[in-house]
PDB file of N, CA and C in Angstrom:
ATOM      1  N   MET A   1     -65.640 102.181  28.907  1.00  0.00           N
ATOM      2  CA  MET A   1     -66.977 101.632  29.047  1.00  0.00           C
ATOM      3  C   MET A   1     -66.988 100.345  29.784  1.00  0.00           C
ATOM      4  N   GLN A   2     -68.058 100.077  30.507  1.00  0.00           N
ATOM      5  CA  GLN A   2     -68.167  98.854  31.309  1.00  0.00           C
ATOM      6  C   GLN A   2     -69.538  98.380  31.168  1.00  0.00           C
ATOM      7  N   THR A   3     -69.719  97.044  30.912  1.00  0.00           N
ATOM      8  CA  THR A   3     -71.021  96.454  30.933  1.00  0.00           C
ATOM      9  C   THR A   3     -70.916  95.241  31.903  1.00  0.00           C
ATOM     10  N   ASN A   4     -71.982  94.425  31.875  1.00  0.00           N
ATOM     11  CA  ASN A   4     -71.769  93.278  32.719  1.00  0.00           C
ATOM     12  C   ASN A   4     -70.938  92.160  32.132  1.00  0.00           C
ATOM     13  N   TRP A   5     -70.440  92.361  30.934  1.00  0.00           N
ATOM     14  CA  TRP A   5     -69.469  91.423  30.399  1.00  0.00           C
ATOM     15  C   TRP A   5     -68.228  92.113  29.585  1.00  0.00           C
ATOM     16  N   LYS A   6     -68.113  93.290  29.791  1.00  0.00           N
ATOM     17  CA  LYS A   6     -67.032  93.952  29.145  1.00  0.00           C
ATOM     18  C   LYS A   6     -66.486  95.182  30.049  1.00  0.00           C
ATOM     19  N   ILE A   7     -65.207  95.129  30.149  1.00  0.00           N
ATOM     20  CA  ILE A   7     -64.429  96.226  30.923  1.00  0.00           C
ATOM     21  C   ILE A   7     -63.342  96.798  30.064  1.00  0.00           C
ATOM     22  N   ILE A   8     -63.203  98.043  30.051  1.00  0.00           N
ATOM     23  CA  ILE A   8     -62.040  98.738  29.317  1.00  0.00           C
ATOM     24  C   ILE A   8     -61.286  99.354  30.471  1.00  0.00           C
ATOM     25  N   GLU A   9     -60.017  98.834  30.670  1.00  0.00           N
ATOM     26  CA  GLU A   9     -59.168  99.426  31.815  1.00  0.00           C
ATOM     27  C   GLU A   9     -58.671 100.718  31.337  1.00  0.00           C
ATOM     28  N   GLU A  10     -58.167 101.498  32.226  1.00  0.00           N
ATOM     29  CA  GLU A  10     -57.615 102.781  32.084  1.00  0.00           C
ATOM     30  C   GLU A  10     -56.499 102.868  30.887  1.00  0.00           C
ATOM     31  N   ASP A  11     -55.711 101.759  30.907  1.00  0.00           N
ATOM     32  CA  ASP A  11     -54.697 101.700  29.886  1.00  0.00           C
ATOM     33  C   ASP A  11     -55.109 101.208  28.455  1.00  0.00           C
ATOM     34  N   GLY A  12     -56.458 101.014  28.305  1.00  0.00           N
ATOM     35  CA  GLY A  12     -57.054 100.630  27.075  1.00  0.00           C
ATOM     36  C   GLY A  12     -57.208  99.203  26.965  1.00  0.00           C
ATOM     37  N   THR A  13     -56.830  98.356  27.840  1.00  0.00           N
ATOM     38  CA  THR A  13     -56.974  96.903  27.882  1.00  0.00           C
ATOM     39  C   THR A  13     -58.376  96.575  27.886  1.00  0.00           C
ATOM     40  N   VAL A  14     -58.765  95.661  26.979  1.00  0.00           N
ATOM     41  CA  VAL A  14     -60.269  95.275  26.952  1.00  0.00           C
ATOM     42  C   VAL A  14     -60.353  93.870  27.601  1.00  0.00           C
ATOM     43  N   LEU A  15     -61.227  93.751  28.442  1.00  0.00           N
ATOM     44  CA  LEU A  15     -61.621  92.415  29.068  1.00  0.00           C
ATOM     45  C   LEU A  15     -63.011  92.007  28.722  1.00  0.00           C
ATOM     46  N   VAL A  16     -63.267  90.865  28.423  1.00  0.00           N
ATOM     47  CA  VAL A  16     -64.663  90.372  28.199  1.00  0.00           C
ATOM     48  C   VAL A  16     -64.910  89.125  29.084  1.00  0.00           C
ATOM     49  N   LYS A  17     -66.085  88.884  29.456  1.00  0.00           N
ATOM     50  CA  LYS A  17     -66.577  87.765  30.286  1.00  0.00           C
ATOM     51  C   LYS A  17     -66.874  86.742  29.299  1.00  0.00           C
ATOM     52  N   VAL A  18     -66.169  85.503  29.328  1.00  0.00           N
ATOM     53  CA  VAL A  18     -66.472  84.381  28.359  1.00  0.00           C
ATOM     54  C   VAL A  18     -67.063  83.307  29.117  1.00  0.00           C
ATOM     55  N   ILE A  19     -68.079  82.671  28.621  1.00  0.00           N
ATOM     56  CA  ILE A  19     -68.787  81.647  29.312  1.00  0.00           C
ATOM     57  C   ILE A  19     -68.449  80.155  28.726  1.00  0.00           C
ATOM     58  N   GLY A  20     -68.823  79.219  29.394  1.00  0.00           N
ATOM     59  CA  GLY A  20     -68.801  77.878  28.825  1.00  0.00           C
ATOM     60  C   GLY A  20     -67.466  77.132  28.913  1.00  0.00           C
ATOM     61  N   PHE A  21     -66.581  77.557  29.794  1.00  0.00           N
ATOM     62  CA  PHE A  21     -65.301  76.871  30.027  1.00  0.00           C
ATOM     63  C   PHE A  21     -65.709  75.490  30.596  1.00  0.00           C
ATOM     64  N   PRO A  22     -65.023  74.385  30.120  1.00  0.00           N
ATOM     65  CA  PRO A  22     -65.287  73.099  30.557  1.00  0.00           C
ATOM     66  C   PRO A  22     -65.067  72.923  32.084  1.00  0.00           C
ATOM     67  N   ALA A  23     -65.978  72.159  32.619  1.00  0.00           N
ATOM     68  CA  ALA A  23     -65.836  71.783  34.095  1.00  0.00           C
ATOM     69  C   ALA A  23     -65.896  70.253  34.078  1.00  0.00           C
ATOM     70  N   PRO A  24     -64.785  69.659  33.998  1.00  0.00           N
ATOM     71  CA  PRO A  24     -64.720  68.146  33.763  1.00  0.00           C
ATOM     72  C   PRO A  24     -65.362  67.293  34.857  1.00  0.00           C
ATOM     73  N   ASP A  25     -65.315  67.789  36.091  1.00  0.00           N
ATOM     74  CA  ASP A  25     -65.801  66.923  37.287  1.00  0.00           C
ATOM     75  C   ASP A  25     -67.356  66.994  37.187  1.00  0.00           C
ATOM     76  N   GLY A  26     -68.017  67.766  36.473  1.00  0.00           N
ATOM     77  CA  GLY A  26     -69.506  67.780  36.409  1.00  0.00           C
ATOM     78  C   GLY A  26     -70.205  68.606  37.564  1.00  0.00           C
ATOM     79  N   GLU A  27     -69.359  69.206  38.383  1.00  0.00           N
ATOM     80  CA  GLU A  27     -69.983  69.885  39.541  1.00  0.00           C
ATOM     81  C   GLU A  27     -70.806  71.124  38.939  1.00  0.00           C
ATOM     82  N   VAL A  28     -70.385  71.781  37.927  1.00  0.00           N
ATOM     83  CA  VAL A  28     -71.120  72.909  37.426  1.00  0.00           C
ATOM     84  C   VAL A  28     -71.211  72.653  35.843  1.00  0.00           C
ATOM     85  N   ALA A  29     -72.193  73.409  35.286  1.00  0.00           N
ATOM     86  CA  ALA A  29     -72.329  73.330  33.845  1.00  0.00           C
ATOM     87  C   ALA A  29     -71.196  73.906  33.019  1.00  0.00           C
ATOM     88  N   GLY A  30     -70.567  74.818  33.598  1.00  0.00           N
ATOM     89  CA  GLY A  30     -69.414  75.517  32.831  1.00  0.00           C
ATOM     90  C   GLY A  30     -69.022  76.696  33.562  1.00  0.00           C
ATOM     91  N   GLU A  31     -67.821  77.044  33.472  1.00  0.00           N
ATOM     92  CA  GLU A  31     -67.205  78.147  34.183  1.00  0.00           C
ATOM     93  C   GLU A  31     -67.203  79.470  33.241  1.00  0.00           C
ATOM     94  N   SER A  32     -67.328  80.609  33.904  1.00  0.00           N
ATOM     95  CA  SER A  32     -67.102  81.844  33.092  1.00  0.00           C
ATOM     96  C   SER A  32     -65.895  82.568  33.700  1.00  0.00           C
ATOM     97  N   MET A  33     -65.180  83.221  32.768  1.00  0.00           N
ATOM     98  CA  MET A  33     -63.924  83.931  33.164  1.00  0.00           C
ATOM     99  C   MET A  33     -63.682  85.178  32.350  1.00  0.00           C
ATOM    100  N   TRP A  34     -62.877  86.112  32.927  1.00  0.00           N
ATOM    101  CA  TRP A  34     -62.416  87.228  32.330  1.00  0.00           C
ATOM    102  C   TRP A  34     -61.364  86.926  31.412  1.00  0.00           C
ATOM    103  N   VAL A  35     -61.453  87.367  30.146  1.00  0.00           N
ATOM    104  CA  VAL A  35     -60.420  87.190  29.115  1.00  0.00           C
ATOM    105  C   VAL A  35     -59.939  88.555  28.531  1.00  0.00           C
ATOM    106  N   GLU A  36     -58.630  88.735  28.488  1.00  0.00           N
ATOM    107  CA  GLU A  36     -58.078  89.943  27.903  1.00  0.00           C
ATOM    108  C   GLU A  36     -58.040  89.693  26.459  1.00  0.00           C
ATOM    109  N   ILE A  37     -58.590  90.601  25.525  1.00  0.00           N
ATOM    110  CA  ILE A  37     -58.652  90.410  24.172  1.00  0.00           C
ATOM    111  C   ILE A  37     -57.263  90.685  23.601  1.00  0.00           C
ATOM    112  N   ILE A  38     -56.769  89.730  22.880  1.00  0.00           N
ATOM    113  CA  ILE A  38     -55.476  89.906  22.145  1.00  0.00           C
ATOM    114  C   ILE A  38     -55.628  90.189  20.707  1.00  0.00           C
ATOM    115  N   ASN A  39     -56.640  89.463  20.051  1.00  0.00           N
ATOM    116  CA  ASN A  39     -56.991  89.661  18.628  1.00  0.00           C
ATOM    117  C   ASN A  39     -58.414  89.338  18.478  1.00  0.00           C
ATOM    118  N   GLY A  40     -59.136  90.299  17.600  1.00  0.00           N
ATOM    119  CA  GLY A  40     -60.580  90.048  17.364  1.00  0.00           C
ATOM    120  C   GLY A  40     -61.396  91.080  18.004  1.00  0.00           C
ATOM    121  N   THR A  41     -62.637  90.793  18.181  1.00  0.00           N
ATOM    122  CA  THR A  41     -63.699  91.739  18.643  1.00  0.00           C
ATOM    123  C   THR A  41     -64.177  91.196  20.026  1.00  0.00           C
ATOM    124  N   ASP A  42     -65.133  91.892  20.559  1.00  0.00           N
ATOM    125  CA  ASP A  42     -65.750  91.538  21.937  1.00  0.00           C
ATOM    126  C   ASP A  42     -66.432  90.205  21.761  1.00  0.00           C
ATOM    127  N   ASN A  43     -66.812  89.795  20.546  1.00  0.00           N
ATOM    128  CA  ASN A  43     -67.634  88.543  20.330  1.00  0.00           C
ATOM    129  C   ASN A  43     -66.940  87.453  19.909  1.00  0.00           C
ATOM    130  N   ASP A  44     -65.765  87.645  19.106  1.00  0.00           N
ATOM    131  CA  ASP A  44     -65.091  86.493  18.568  1.00  0.00           C
ATOM    132  C   ASP A  44     -63.593  86.946  18.503  1.00  0.00           C
ATOM    133  N   GLY A  45     -62.742  86.052  18.955  1.00  0.00           N
ATOM    134  CA  GLY A  45     -61.347  86.370  18.919  1.00  0.00           C
ATOM    135  C   GLY A  45     -60.430  85.420  19.713  1.00  0.00           C
ATOM    136  N   THR A  46     -59.342  85.941  20.098  1.00  0.00           N
ATOM    137  CA  THR A  46     -58.349  85.149  21.004  1.00  0.00           C
ATOM    138  C   THR A  46     -58.073  86.134  22.129  1.00  0.00           C
ATOM    139  N   GLY A  47     -57.662  85.532  23.220  1.00  0.00           N
ATOM    140  CA  GLY A  47     -57.304  86.277  24.462  1.00  0.00           C
ATOM    141  C   GLY A  47     -56.679  85.359  25.501  1.00  0.00           C
ATOM    142  N   THR A  48     -56.237  86.038  26.504  1.00  0.00           N
ATOM    143  CA  THR A  48     -55.575  85.344  27.598  1.00  0.00           C
ATOM    144  C   THR A  48     -56.501  85.415  28.815  1.00  0.00           C
ATOM    145  N   LEU A  49     -56.491  84.316  29.638  1.00  0.00           N
ATOM    146  CA  LEU A  49     -57.264  84.314  30.756  1.00  0.00           C
ATOM    147  C   LEU A  49     -56.746  85.206  31.849  1.00  0.00           C
ATOM    148  N   ARG A  50     -57.621  85.974  32.443  1.00  0.00           N
ATOM    149  CA  ARG A  50     -57.145  87.097  33.426  1.00  0.00           C
ATOM    150  C   ARG A  50     -57.695  86.680  34.806  1.00  0.00           C
ATOM    151  N   ASN A  51     -58.228  85.513  35.041  1.00  0.00           N
ATOM    152  CA  ASN A  51     -58.527  85.023  36.428  1.00  0.00           C
ATOM    153  C   ASN A  51     -58.060  83.529  36.497  1.00  0.00           C
ATOM    154  N   SER A  52     -58.039  83.016  37.590  1.00  0.00           N
ATOM    155  CA  SER A  52     -57.657  81.610  37.809  1.00  0.00           C
ATOM    156  C   SER A  52     -58.981  80.678  37.832  1.00  0.00           C
ATOM    157  N   PRO A  53     -58.910  79.813  36.884  1.00  0.00           N
ATOM    158  CA  PRO A  53     -60.049  78.880  36.953  1.00  0.00           C
ATOM    159  C   PRO A  53     -60.169  78.001  38.241  1.00  0.00           C
ATOM    160  N   VAL A  54     -61.431  77.632  38.594  1.00  0.00           N
ATOM    161  CA  VAL A  54     -61.615  76.952  39.722  1.00  0.00           C
ATOM    162  C   VAL A  54     -61.992  75.403  39.383  1.00  0.00           C
ATOM    163  N   PHE A  55     -62.715  75.345  38.305  1.00  0.00           N
ATOM    164  CA  PHE A  55     -63.241  73.960  37.910  1.00  0.00           C
ATOM    165  C   PHE A  55     -62.490  73.346  36.746  1.00  0.00           C
ATOM    166  N   SER A  56     -61.882  74.100  35.875  1.00  0.00           N
ATOM    167  CA  SER A  56     -61.342  73.639  34.601  1.00  0.00           C
ATOM    168  C   SER A  56     -59.695  73.339  34.840  1.00  0.00           C
ATOM    169  N   GLY A  57     -59.086  72.696  33.963  1.00  0.00           N
ATOM    170  CA  GLY A  57     -57.723  72.484  34.032  1.00  0.00           C
ATOM    171  C   GLY A  57     -56.923  73.597  33.399  1.00  0.00           C
ATOM    172  N   LEU A  58     -57.582  74.690  32.950  1.00  0.00           N
ATOM    173  CA  LEU A  58     -56.870  75.906  32.476  1.00  0.00           C
ATOM    174  C   LEU A  58     -56.211  76.618  33.439  1.00  0.00           C
ATOM    175  N   CYS A  59     -55.297  77.568  33.132  1.00  0.00           N
ATOM    176  CA  CYS A  59     -54.466  78.402  34.019  1.00  0.00           C
ATOM    177  C   CYS A  59     -54.544  79.888  33.717  1.00  0.00           C
ATOM    178  N   PHE A  60     -54.217  80.747  34.621  1.00  0.00           N
ATOM    179  CA  PHE A  60     -54.245  82.143  34.571  1.00  0.00           C
ATOM    180  C   PHE A  60     -53.174  82.394  33.336  1.00  0.00           C
ATOM    181  N   GLY A  61     -53.506  83.234  32.392  1.00  0.00           N
ATOM    182  CA  GLY A  61     -52.582  83.531  31.222  1.00  0.00           C
ATOM    183  C   GLY A  61     -52.720  82.575  30.119  1.00  0.00           C
ATOM    184  N   ASP A  62     -53.507  81.455  30.281  1.00  0.00           N
ATOM    185  CA  ASP A  62     -53.635  80.529  28.998  1.00  0.00           C
ATOM    186  C   ASP A  62     -54.296  81.395  27.798  1.00  0.00           C
ATOM    187  N   LEU A  63     -53.914  81.046  26.549  1.00  0.00           N
ATOM    188  CA  LEU A  63     -54.403  81.608  25.436  1.00  0.00           C
ATOM    189  C   LEU A  63     -55.603  80.685  24.950  1.00  0.00           C
ATOM    190  N   ILE A  64     -56.728  81.428  24.699  1.00  0.00           N
ATOM    191  CA  ILE A  64     -58.031  80.719  24.317  1.00  0.00           C
ATOM    192  C   ILE A  64     -58.529  81.484  23.156  1.00  0.00           C
ATOM    193  N   ARG A  65     -59.400  80.637  22.418  1.00  0.00           N
ATOM    194  CA  ARG A  65     -60.283  81.220  21.364  1.00  0.00           C
ATOM    195  C   ARG A  65     -61.694  81.255  21.797  1.00  0.00           C
ATOM    196  N   PHE A  66     -62.361  82.388  21.600  1.00  0.00           N
ATOM    197  CA  PHE A  66     -63.792  82.473  22.005  1.00  0.00           C
ATOM    198  C   PHE A  66     -64.638  83.009  20.727  1.00  0.00           C
ATOM    199  N   GLY A  67     -65.950  82.815  20.886  1.00  0.00           N
ATOM    200  CA  GLY A  67     -66.796  83.251  19.793  1.00  0.00           C
ATOM    201  C   GLY A  67     -68.231  83.109  20.116  1.00  0.00           C
ATOM    202  N   HIS A  68     -69.090  83.532  19.157  1.00  0.00           N
ATOM    203  CA  HIS A  68     -70.558  83.349  19.089  1.00  0.00           C
ATOM    204  C   HIS A  68     -71.134  84.284  20.054  1.00  0.00           C
ATOM    205  N   GLY A  69     -70.450  85.383  20.435  1.00  0.00           N
ATOM    206  CA  GLY A  69     -71.125  86.433  21.167  1.00  0.00           C
ATOM    207  C   GLY A  69     -71.925  87.367  20.317  1.00  0.00           C
ATOM    208  N   ASN A  70     -72.774  88.162  20.921  1.00  0.00           N
ATOM    209  CA  ASN A  70     -73.550  89.248  20.242  1.00  0.00           C
ATOM    210  C   ASN A  70     -73.893  90.269  21.269  1.00  0.00           C
ATOM    211  N   ASP A  71     -74.738  91.205  20.863  1.00  0.00           N
ATOM    212  CA  ASP A  71     -75.166  92.372  21.759  1.00  0.00           C
ATOM    213  C   ASP A  71     -75.941  91.824  23.065  1.00  0.00           C
ATOM    214  N   THR A  72     -76.472  90.672  22.935  1.00  0.00           N
ATOM    215  CA  THR A  72     -77.258  90.196  24.121  1.00  0.00           C
ATOM    216  C   THR A  72     -76.791  88.949  24.801  1.00  0.00           C
ATOM    217  N   GLU A  73     -75.748  88.298  24.108  1.00  0.00           N
ATOM    218  CA  GLU A  73     -75.171  87.150  24.704  1.00  0.00           C
ATOM    219  C   GLU A  73     -73.656  87.166  24.858  1.00  0.00           C
ATOM    220  N   LYS A  74     -73.169  86.699  25.941  1.00  0.00           N
ATOM    221  CA  LYS A  74     -71.724  86.671  26.182  1.00  0.00           C
ATOM    222  C   LYS A  74     -71.074  85.656  25.212  1.00  0.00           C
ATOM    223  N   PRO A  75     -69.760  85.966  24.811  1.00  0.00           N
ATOM    224  CA  PRO A  75     -69.155  85.021  23.850  1.00  0.00           C
ATOM    225  C   PRO A  75     -68.725  83.615  24.720  1.00  0.00           C
ATOM    226  N   LYS A  76     -68.602  82.717  23.920  1.00  0.00           N
ATOM    227  CA  LYS A  76     -68.412  81.391  24.562  1.00  0.00           C
ATOM    228  C   LYS A  76     -66.930  80.830  24.315  1.00  0.00           C
ATOM    229  N   TYR A  77     -66.393  80.098  25.242  1.00  0.00           N
ATOM    230  CA  TYR A  77     -65.130  79.494  25.127  1.00  0.00           C
ATOM    231  C   TYR A  77     -65.232  78.396  23.960  1.00  0.00           C
ATOM    232  N   LEU A  78     -64.192  78.450  23.080  1.00  0.00           N
ATOM    233  CA  LEU A  78     -64.203  77.594  21.858  1.00  0.00           C
ATOM    234  C   LEU A  78     -63.064  76.478  22.035  1.00  0.00           C
ATOM    235  N   GLU A  79     -61.867  76.940  22.398  1.00  0.00           N
ATOM    236  CA  GLU A  79     -60.787  75.976  22.566  1.00  0.00           C
ATOM    237  C   GLU A  79     -59.659  76.727  23.054  1.00  0.00           C
ATOM    238  N   THR A  80     -58.652  75.933  23.574  1.00  0.00           N
ATOM    239  CA  THR A  80     -57.416  76.502  24.108  1.00  0.00           C
ATOM    240  C   THR A  80     -56.488  76.433  22.967  1.00  0.00           C
ATOM    241  N   VAL A  81     -55.764  77.528  22.786  1.00  0.00           N
ATOM    242  CA  VAL A  81     -54.756  77.762  21.620  1.00  0.00           C
ATOM    243  C   VAL A  81     -53.361  77.226  22.123  1.00  0.00           C
ATOM    244  N   THR A  82     -52.785  76.376  21.408  1.00  0.00           N
ATOM    245  CA  THR A  82     -51.494  75.885  21.764  1.00  0.00           C
ATOM    246  C   THR A  82     -50.441  76.443  20.796  1.00  0.00           C
ATOM    247  N   ALA A  83     -49.242  76.676  21.305  1.00  0.00           N
ATOM    248  CA  ALA A  83     -48.141  77.172  20.462  1.00  0.00           C
ATOM    249  C   ALA A  83     -47.579  76.153  19.568  1.00  0.00           C
TER     250      ALA A  83
END
């Protein structure tokens, strides 16, 4: 299944578009990125970044926590998870 903010790849990997990543330089209000869900649901959970950020200091593969999504709103970036 695919929507404008969810993709299920052929191998079953689920990606969701997460909004609100920080953009410290103030050029944009916030960045949105594809996140591979590791734990949780499409609306709340943890996952790894599947694209390279342009505006934030995050990197491809970083583990993040996202939440507050629903059937009509994309989930939002909450924090970077550190080991």
